[in-house]
Amino acid sequence: MKTKVLRKKAEVKQTKTDVICPLGYKKNPSTNSIEIDEVKAPKIRILFNMLAKEPPSDAVLINVINTFFKGGFLEVYSTIQNPFYCGFFERNGYLYKGIHTPLVNILTWENANENLAKILNRLLKPIVFYRQKLIEFSKYIEEGARNSKG
């Protein structure tokens, strides 16, 4: 019973004009609803469809990011992670079915997130490797300093 009440309250909150709409959506104050922004939505769909098929090359991904997104990779990451685009929204750690029109289906959203994780793993692997080597080296230096004192 409590879950239904929370869902109902969240759906009511979603339609109010104080909701922050993600890129590709806009508020319509006259109807008090969230609508698809026909200018920006195609860019979001291109990004999702590109990532959902297979991880693109770094050059293609960088070109799309530089063309469509001012915030760079961080903006792309937060866009792909946002469940709003597949018809859900999050409130206080809970996921609710939205009453807005989704830009992509749930399968496209999931595939895009999975492939984005692969891209991040590929791009961040050298950074993690060198960070680990730096930590090992600093431990080696500390151990040598302790042994020379004692």
N, C-alpha and C. Protein backbone atom coordinates (compact mmCIF):
# COMPACT_ATOMS: atom_id res chain seq x y z
N MET A 1 0.83 -1.20 0.00
CA MET A 1 0.00 0.00 0.00
C MET A 1 0.87 1.26 0.00
N LYS A 2 1.92 1.25 0.84
CA LYS A 2 2.79 2.42 0.93
C LYS A 2 3.50 2.67 -0.40
N THR A 3 3.87 1.60 -1.11
CA THR A 3 4.55 1.73 -2.40
C THR A 3 3.65 2.45 -3.41
N LYS A 4 2.37 2.10 -3.43
CA LYS A 4 1.44 2.76 -4.35
C LYS A 4 1.34 4.25 -4.05
N VAL A 5 1.31 4.61 -2.78
CA VAL A 5 1.23 6.01 -2.39
C VAL A 5 2.49 6.75 -2.84
N LEU A 6 3.66 6.15 -2.62
CA LEU A 6 4.91 6.77 -3.06
C LEU A 6 4.94 6.94 -4.57
N ARG A 7 4.49 5.91 -5.29
CA ARG A 7 4.48 6.00 -6.75
C ARG A 7 3.55 7.11 -7.21
N LYS A 8 2.40 7.20 -6.60
CA LYS A 8 1.42 8.21 -6.99
C LYS A 8 1.99 9.60 -6.73
N LYS A 9 2.61 9.81 -5.57
CA LYS A 9 3.21 11.11 -5.25
C LYS A 9 4.32 11.44 -6.23
N ALA A 10 5.14 10.45 -6.57
CA ALA A 10 6.26 10.68 -7.49
C ALA A 10 5.74 11.04 -8.88
N GLU A 11 4.68 10.37 -9.34
CA GLU A 11 4.12 10.69 -10.64
C GLU A 11 3.57 12.12 -10.66
N VAL A 12 2.97 12.53 -9.57
CA VAL A 12 2.46 13.89 -9.49
C VAL A 12 3.61 14.89 -9.53
N LYS A 13 4.71 14.59 -8.80
CA LYS A 13 5.87 15.47 -8.81
C LYS A 13 6.50 15.56 -10.19
N GLN A 14 6.45 14.47 -10.93
CA GLN A 14 7.10 14.45 -12.23
C GLN A 14 6.43 15.41 -13.21
N THR A 15 5.14 15.62 -13.10
CA THR A 15 4.44 16.46 -14.06
C THR A 15 4.56 17.95 -13.74
N LYS A 16 5.01 18.28 -12.55
CA LYS A 16 5.12 19.70 -12.19
C LYS A 16 6.24 20.36 -12.95
N THR A 17 6.14 21.66 -13.12
CA THR A 17 7.12 22.39 -13.93
C THR A 17 8.43 22.64 -13.20
N ASP A 18 8.54 22.29 -11.91
CA ASP A 18 9.80 22.49 -11.20
C ASP A 18 10.77 21.31 -11.40
N VAL A 19 10.37 20.31 -12.18
CA VAL A 19 11.24 19.18 -12.49
C VAL A 19 12.32 19.64 -13.46
N ILE A 20 13.55 19.21 -13.23
CA ILE A 20 14.64 19.52 -14.14
C ILE A 20 14.60 18.50 -15.27
N CYS A 21 14.38 18.98 -16.48
CA CYS A 21 14.31 18.09 -17.64
C CYS A 21 15.71 17.82 -18.17
N PRO A 22 16.01 16.57 -18.46
CA PRO A 22 17.31 16.28 -19.06
C PRO A 22 17.34 16.74 -20.52
N LEU A 23 18.53 16.75 -21.09
CA LEU A 23 18.73 17.14 -22.47
C LEU A 23 17.84 16.30 -23.38
N GLY A 24 17.10 16.94 -24.26
CA GLY A 24 16.19 16.24 -25.16
C GLY A 24 14.73 16.37 -24.75
N TYR A 25 14.50 16.95 -23.58
CA TYR A 25 13.14 17.20 -23.10
C TYR A 25 12.98 18.68 -22.77
N LYS A 26 11.72 19.13 -22.72
CA LYS A 26 11.44 20.50 -22.32
C LYS A 26 10.14 20.53 -21.52
N LYS A 27 10.01 21.56 -20.72
CA LYS A 27 8.80 21.74 -19.91
C LYS A 27 7.79 22.53 -20.72
N ASN A 28 6.54 22.15 -20.58
CA ASN A 28 5.46 22.91 -21.18
C ASN A 28 4.59 23.46 -20.05
N PRO A 29 4.78 24.73 -19.68
CA PRO A 29 4.05 25.29 -18.55
C PRO A 29 2.54 25.37 -18.79
N SER A 30 2.12 25.52 -20.03
CA SER A 30 0.68 25.66 -20.30
C SER A 30 -0.07 24.35 -20.03
N THR A 31 0.57 23.20 -20.33
CA THR A 31 -0.08 21.91 -20.06
C THR A 31 0.46 21.25 -18.80
N ASN A 32 1.44 21.90 -18.17
CA ASN A 32 2.06 21.38 -16.95
C ASN A 32 2.61 19.96 -17.16
N SER A 33 3.35 19.79 -18.29
CA SER A 33 3.88 18.47 -18.61
C SER A 33 5.29 18.57 -19.18
N ILE A 34 5.89 17.41 -19.36
CA ILE A 34 7.23 17.31 -19.94
C ILE A 34 7.08 16.75 -21.34
N GLU A 35 7.67 17.45 -22.31
CA GLU A 35 7.55 17.04 -23.71
C GLU A 35 8.92 16.83 -24.31
N ILE A 36 8.94 16.11 -25.43
CA ILE A 36 10.18 15.89 -26.16
C ILE A 36 10.56 17.16 -26.89
N ASP A 37 11.82 17.56 -26.77
CA ASP A 37 12.36 18.70 -27.49
C ASP A 37 12.80 18.20 -28.87
N GLU A 38 12.06 18.58 -29.90
CA GLU A 38 12.29 18.05 -31.24
C GLU A 38 13.62 18.50 -31.85
N VAL A 39 14.26 19.51 -31.29
CA VAL A 39 15.55 19.97 -31.79
C VAL A 39 16.69 19.14 -31.20
N LYS A 40 16.64 18.90 -29.89
CA LYS A 40 17.74 18.20 -29.21
C LYS A 40 17.56 16.69 -29.11
N ALA A 41 16.33 16.21 -29.17
CA ALA A 41 16.07 14.77 -29.02
C ALA A 41 16.75 13.91 -30.08
N PRO A 42 16.80 14.33 -31.35
CA PRO A 42 17.49 13.48 -32.34
C PRO A 42 18.96 13.25 -32.00
N LYS A 43 19.63 14.22 -31.39
CA LYS A 43 21.03 14.06 -31.00
C LYS A 43 21.17 12.98 -29.94
N ILE A 44 20.24 12.97 -29.01
CA ILE A 44 20.26 11.97 -27.93
C ILE A 44 20.00 10.58 -28.52
N ARG A 45 19.03 10.50 -29.44
CA ARG A 45 18.74 9.20 -30.07
C ARG A 45 19.95 8.69 -30.86
N ILE A 46 20.64 9.58 -31.57
CA ILE A 46 21.84 9.19 -32.31
C ILE A 46 22.88 8.60 -31.36
N LEU A 47 23.10 9.28 -30.25
CA LEU A 47 24.08 8.81 -29.26
C LEU A 47 23.71 7.43 -28.73
N PHE A 48 22.45 7.26 -28.31
CA PHE A 48 22.01 5.97 -27.77
C PHE A 48 22.12 4.87 -28.81
N ASN A 49 21.65 5.13 -30.03
CA ASN A 49 21.68 4.10 -31.07
C ASN A 49 23.12 3.75 -31.45
N MET A 50 24.00 4.74 -31.47
CA MET A 50 25.40 4.50 -31.80
C MET A 50 26.05 3.60 -30.73
N LEU A 51 25.78 3.90 -29.47
CA LEU A 51 26.38 3.12 -28.38
C LEU A 51 25.71 1.76 -28.20
N ALA A 52 24.44 1.65 -28.56
CA ALA A 52 23.71 0.40 -28.35
C ALA A 52 24.15 -0.69 -29.31
N LYS A 53 24.53 -0.32 -30.53
CA LYS A 53 24.89 -1.33 -31.53
C LYS A 53 26.21 -2.01 -31.17
N GLU A 54 27.25 -1.24 -31.05
CA GLU A 54 28.56 -1.77 -30.64
C GLU A 54 29.40 -0.57 -30.22
N PRO A 55 30.38 -0.81 -29.37
CA PRO A 55 31.20 0.32 -28.94
C PRO A 55 31.91 0.96 -30.15
N PRO A 56 31.70 2.26 -30.36
CA PRO A 56 32.35 2.91 -31.50
C PRO A 56 33.84 3.11 -31.23
N SER A 57 34.57 3.44 -32.27
CA SER A 57 35.99 3.73 -32.09
C SER A 57 36.13 5.02 -31.30
N ASP A 58 37.29 5.23 -30.72
CA ASP A 58 37.52 6.44 -29.93
C ASP A 58 37.33 7.69 -30.77
N ALA A 59 37.79 7.66 -32.02
CA ALA A 59 37.69 8.84 -32.90
C ALA A 59 36.23 9.19 -33.18
N VAL A 60 35.41 8.19 -33.45
CA VAL A 60 33.99 8.43 -33.72
C VAL A 60 33.30 8.98 -32.48
N LEU A 61 33.57 8.38 -31.33
CA LEU A 61 32.96 8.83 -30.08
C LEU A 61 33.37 10.27 -29.76
N ILE A 62 34.63 10.60 -29.91
CA ILE A 62 35.11 11.95 -29.64
C ILE A 62 34.46 12.95 -30.60
N ASN A 63 34.29 12.56 -31.86
CA ASN A 63 33.64 13.43 -32.84
C ASN A 63 32.19 13.72 -32.45
N VAL A 64 31.46 12.69 -32.03
CA VAL A 64 30.06 12.87 -31.61
C VAL A 64 29.99 13.74 -30.36
N ILE A 65 30.87 13.48 -29.40
CA ILE A 65 30.88 14.28 -28.16
C ILE A 65 31.15 15.74 -28.47
N ASN A 66 32.16 16.01 -29.29
CA ASN A 66 32.51 17.40 -29.61
C ASN A 66 31.44 18.09 -30.44
N THR A 67 30.70 17.33 -31.26
CA THR A 67 29.66 17.92 -32.10
C THR A 67 28.41 18.26 -31.31
N PHE A 68 27.98 17.36 -30.44
CA PHE A 68 26.67 17.51 -29.79
C PHE A 68 26.69 17.96 -28.33
N PHE A 69 27.79 17.73 -27.62
CA PHE A 69 27.77 17.93 -26.17
C PHE A 69 28.84 18.92 -25.72
N LYS A 70 28.40 19.99 -25.09
CA LYS A 70 29.33 21.01 -24.59
C LYS A 70 30.07 20.52 -23.35
N GLY A 71 29.43 19.66 -22.56
CA GLY A 71 30.01 19.20 -21.30
C GLY A 71 31.00 18.08 -21.44
N GLY A 72 31.28 17.64 -22.67
CA GLY A 72 32.26 16.60 -22.90
C GLY A 72 31.79 15.23 -22.46
N PHE A 73 32.76 14.37 -22.15
CA PHE A 73 32.46 12.97 -21.84
C PHE A 73 31.60 12.83 -20.59
N LEU A 74 31.80 13.70 -19.62
CA LEU A 74 31.00 13.63 -18.39
C LEU A 74 29.51 13.83 -18.68
N GLU A 75 29.19 14.76 -19.58
CA GLU A 75 27.80 14.99 -19.95
C GLU A 75 27.23 13.77 -20.69
N VAL A 76 28.03 13.18 -21.56
CA VAL A 76 27.59 11.98 -22.28
C VAL A 76 27.35 10.84 -21.28
N TYR A 77 28.27 10.67 -20.35
CA TYR A 77 28.13 9.61 -19.35
C TYR A 77 26.85 9.79 -18.52
N SER A 78 26.61 11.00 -18.04
CA SER A 78 25.40 11.23 -17.23
C SER A 78 24.13 11.10 -18.07
N THR A 79 24.21 11.43 -19.35
CA THR A 79 23.06 11.27 -20.23
C THR A 79 22.73 9.80 -20.43
N ILE A 80 23.72 9.01 -20.74
CA ILE A 80 23.50 7.57 -21.00
C ILE A 80 23.03 6.86 -19.74
N GLN A 81 23.52 7.27 -18.59
CA GLN A 81 23.15 6.63 -17.32
C GLN A 81 21.74 6.99 -16.85
N ASN A 82 21.18 8.06 -17.36
CA ASN A 82 19.90 8.58 -16.88
C ASN A 82 18.73 7.71 -17.36
N PRO A 83 17.99 7.08 -16.43
CA PRO A 83 16.87 6.22 -16.83
C PRO A 83 15.66 7.00 -17.36
N PHE A 84 15.69 8.32 -17.26
CA PHE A 84 14.60 9.16 -17.77
C PHE A 84 14.38 8.91 -19.26
N TYR A 85 15.47 8.64 -19.99
CA TYR A 85 15.38 8.48 -21.44
C TYR A 85 14.65 7.22 -21.86
N CYS A 86 14.55 6.22 -20.98
CA CYS A 86 13.80 5.00 -21.33
C CYS A 86 12.46 4.93 -20.60
N GLY A 87 12.02 6.06 -20.03
CA GLY A 87 10.68 6.12 -19.46
C GLY A 87 10.59 6.00 -17.95
N PHE A 88 11.71 6.04 -17.25
CA PHE A 88 11.72 5.93 -15.79
C PHE A 88 12.37 7.19 -15.21
N PHE A 89 12.16 7.40 -13.93
CA PHE A 89 12.86 8.48 -13.24
C PHE A 89 13.12 8.06 -11.81
N GLU A 90 14.11 8.69 -11.22
CA GLU A 90 14.55 8.30 -9.88
C GLU A 90 14.21 9.38 -8.87
N ARG A 91 13.66 8.97 -7.75
CA ARG A 91 13.38 9.86 -6.63
C ARG A 91 13.80 9.17 -5.35
N ASN A 92 14.67 9.80 -4.59
CA ASN A 92 15.10 9.28 -3.28
C ASN A 92 15.59 7.83 -3.36
N GLY A 93 16.32 7.50 -4.43
CA GLY A 93 16.88 6.18 -4.56
C GLY A 93 15.94 5.13 -5.13
N TYR A 94 14.70 5.49 -5.43
CA TYR A 94 13.73 4.55 -6.00
C TYR A 94 13.48 4.89 -7.46
N LEU A 95 13.26 3.87 -8.28
CA LEU A 95 12.99 4.05 -9.69
C LEU A 95 11.49 3.93 -9.92
N TYR A 96 10.92 4.90 -10.63
CA TYR A 96 9.49 4.92 -10.90
C TYR A 96 9.24 4.97 -12.40
N LYS A 97 8.13 4.38 -12.83
CA LYS A 97 7.72 4.47 -14.22
C LYS A 97 7.19 5.88 -14.44
N GLY A 98 7.76 6.55 -15.42
CA GLY A 98 7.36 7.92 -15.70
C GLY A 98 6.11 7.99 -16.55
N ILE A 99 5.54 9.16 -16.62
CA ILE A 99 4.38 9.37 -17.49
C ILE A 99 4.79 10.18 -18.72
N HIS A 100 6.09 10.43 -18.85
CA HIS A 100 6.62 11.13 -20.02
C HIS A 100 6.89 10.12 -21.15
N THR A 101 7.07 10.62 -22.35
CA THR A 101 7.37 9.77 -23.50
C THR A 101 8.86 9.45 -23.52
N PRO A 102 9.22 8.16 -23.54
CA PRO A 102 10.65 7.82 -23.57
C PRO A 102 11.25 8.12 -24.94
N LEU A 103 12.53 8.50 -24.95
CA LEU A 103 13.24 8.73 -26.22
C LEU A 103 13.76 7.43 -26.82
N VAL A 104 14.12 6.47 -25.97
CA VAL A 104 14.63 5.18 -26.44
C VAL A 104 13.95 4.06 -25.67
N ASN A 105 13.97 2.86 -26.24
CA ASN A 105 13.38 1.74 -25.50
C ASN A 105 14.37 1.22 -24.47
N ILE A 106 13.89 0.38 -23.60
CA ILE A 106 14.70 -0.10 -22.47
C ILE A 106 15.88 -0.94 -22.95
N LEU A 107 15.70 -1.71 -24.01
CA LEU A 107 16.79 -2.55 -24.53
C LEU A 107 17.92 -1.68 -25.08
N THR A 108 17.59 -0.63 -25.81
CA THR A 108 18.59 0.29 -26.33
C THR A 108 19.33 0.96 -25.19
N TRP A 109 18.60 1.37 -24.16
CA TRP A 109 19.20 2.03 -22.99
C TRP A 109 20.19 1.08 -22.30
N GLU A 110 19.77 -0.17 -22.09
CA GLU A 110 20.63 -1.14 -21.42
C GLU A 110 21.89 -1.45 -22.24
N ASN A 111 21.72 -1.64 -23.56
CA ASN A 111 22.87 -1.93 -24.42
C ASN A 111 23.84 -0.75 -24.46
N ALA A 112 23.31 0.45 -24.52
CA ALA A 112 24.16 1.65 -24.53
C ALA A 112 24.96 1.75 -23.24
N ASN A 113 24.33 1.46 -22.11
CA ASN A 113 25.03 1.50 -20.83
C ASN A 113 26.10 0.42 -20.73
N GLU A 114 25.79 -0.76 -21.24
CA GLU A 114 26.76 -1.86 -21.22
C GLU A 114 27.98 -1.51 -22.08
N ASN A 115 27.74 -0.98 -23.27
CA ASN A 115 28.86 -0.63 -24.16
C ASN A 115 29.64 0.57 -23.64
N LEU A 116 28.96 1.49 -22.98
CA LEU A 116 29.66 2.63 -22.38
C LEU A 116 30.60 2.14 -21.28
N ALA A 117 30.17 1.14 -20.52
CA ALA A 117 31.03 0.57 -19.48
C ALA A 117 32.28 -0.06 -20.11
N LYS A 118 32.12 -0.71 -21.27
CA LYS A 118 33.27 -1.28 -21.97
C LYS A 118 34.24 -0.19 -22.43
N ILE A 119 33.68 0.90 -22.93
CA ILE A 119 34.51 2.03 -23.38
C ILE A 119 35.28 2.61 -22.20
N LEU A 120 34.59 2.82 -21.09
CA LEU A 120 35.25 3.36 -19.90
C LEU A 120 36.36 2.44 -19.42
N ASN A 121 36.09 1.14 -19.43
CA ASN A 121 37.09 0.18 -19.01
C ASN A 121 38.33 0.26 -19.90
N ARG A 122 38.10 0.37 -21.21
CA ARG A 122 39.21 0.45 -22.15
C ARG A 122 40.00 1.74 -21.98
N LEU A 123 39.30 2.86 -21.77
CA LEU A 123 39.98 4.15 -21.65
C LEU A 123 40.67 4.33 -20.31
N LEU A 124 40.09 3.77 -19.25
CA LEU A 124 40.64 3.98 -17.91
C LEU A 124 41.65 2.92 -17.50
N LYS A 125 41.75 1.84 -18.24
CA LYS A 125 42.68 0.76 -17.88
C LYS A 125 44.12 1.24 -17.73
N PRO A 126 44.67 2.05 -18.68
CA PRO A 126 46.05 2.53 -18.50
C PRO A 126 46.21 3.41 -17.27
N ILE A 127 45.20 4.22 -16.96
CA ILE A 127 45.28 5.11 -15.80
C ILE A 127 45.32 4.28 -14.52
N VAL A 128 44.47 3.27 -14.42
CA VAL A 128 44.42 2.41 -13.24
C VAL A 128 45.73 1.65 -13.10
N PHE A 129 46.27 1.15 -14.22
CA PHE A 129 47.53 0.41 -14.20
C PHE A 129 48.66 1.28 -13.66
N TYR A 130 48.81 2.50 -14.19
CA TYR A 130 49.90 3.37 -13.75
C TYR A 130 49.70 3.85 -12.31
N ARG A 131 48.47 4.04 -11.91
CA ARG A 131 48.19 4.43 -10.52
C ARG A 131 48.60 3.30 -9.58
N GLN A 132 48.29 2.05 -9.96
CA GLN A 132 48.66 0.91 -9.14
C GLN A 132 50.18 0.79 -9.03
N LYS A 133 50.89 0.99 -10.14
CA LYS A 133 52.35 0.93 -10.13
C LYS A 133 52.92 2.03 -9.24
N LEU A 134 52.30 3.22 -9.27
CA LEU A 134 52.76 4.32 -8.42
C LEU A 134 52.57 3.99 -6.94
N ILE A 135 51.45 3.37 -6.60
CA ILE A 135 51.19 2.97 -5.22
C ILE A 135 52.21 1.92 -4.77
N GLU A 136 52.47 0.92 -5.64
CA GLU A 136 53.46 -0.10 -5.30
C GLU A 136 54.84 0.52 -5.10
N PHE A 137 55.21 1.46 -5.95
CA PHE A 137 56.51 2.11 -5.85
C PHE A 137 56.63 2.91 -4.55
N SER A 138 55.56 3.64 -4.19
CA SER A 138 55.61 4.43 -2.95
C SER A 138 55.70 3.52 -1.72
N LYS A 139 55.04 2.35 -1.75
CA LYS A 139 55.15 1.39 -0.65
C LYS A 139 56.58 0.85 -0.56
N TYR A 140 57.19 0.59 -1.71
CA TYR A 140 58.56 0.11 -1.77
C TYR A 140 59.51 1.14 -1.16
N ILE A 141 59.31 2.42 -1.48
CA ILE A 141 60.14 3.51 -0.95
C ILE A 141 59.96 3.61 0.57
N GLU A 142 58.71 3.56 1.04
CA GLU A 142 58.44 3.64 2.48
C GLU A 142 59.07 2.48 3.21
N GLU A 143 58.96 1.29 2.67
CA GLU A 143 59.55 0.10 3.31
C GLU A 143 61.07 0.22 3.37
N GLY A 144 61.69 0.74 2.32
CA GLY A 144 63.13 0.94 2.30
C GLY A 144 63.56 1.97 3.34
N ALA A 145 62.76 3.01 3.50
CA ALA A 145 63.07 4.06 4.50
C ALA A 145 62.96 3.49 5.90
N ARG A 146 61.95 2.64 6.15
CA ARG A 146 61.80 2.04 7.48
C ARG A 146 62.95 1.09 7.78
N ASN A 147 63.36 0.31 6.81
CA ASN A 147 64.45 -0.65 7.01
C ASN A 147 65.79 0.03 7.25
N SER A 148 65.98 1.18 6.64
CA SER A 148 67.27 1.88 6.81
C SER A 148 67.34 2.54 8.19
N LYS A 149 66.19 2.87 8.79
CA LYS A 149 66.18 3.48 10.13
C LYS A 149 66.40 2.44 11.21
N GLY A 150 65.91 1.28 11.01
CA GLY A 150 65.88 0.28 12.05
C GLY A 150 66.98 -0.67 12.03
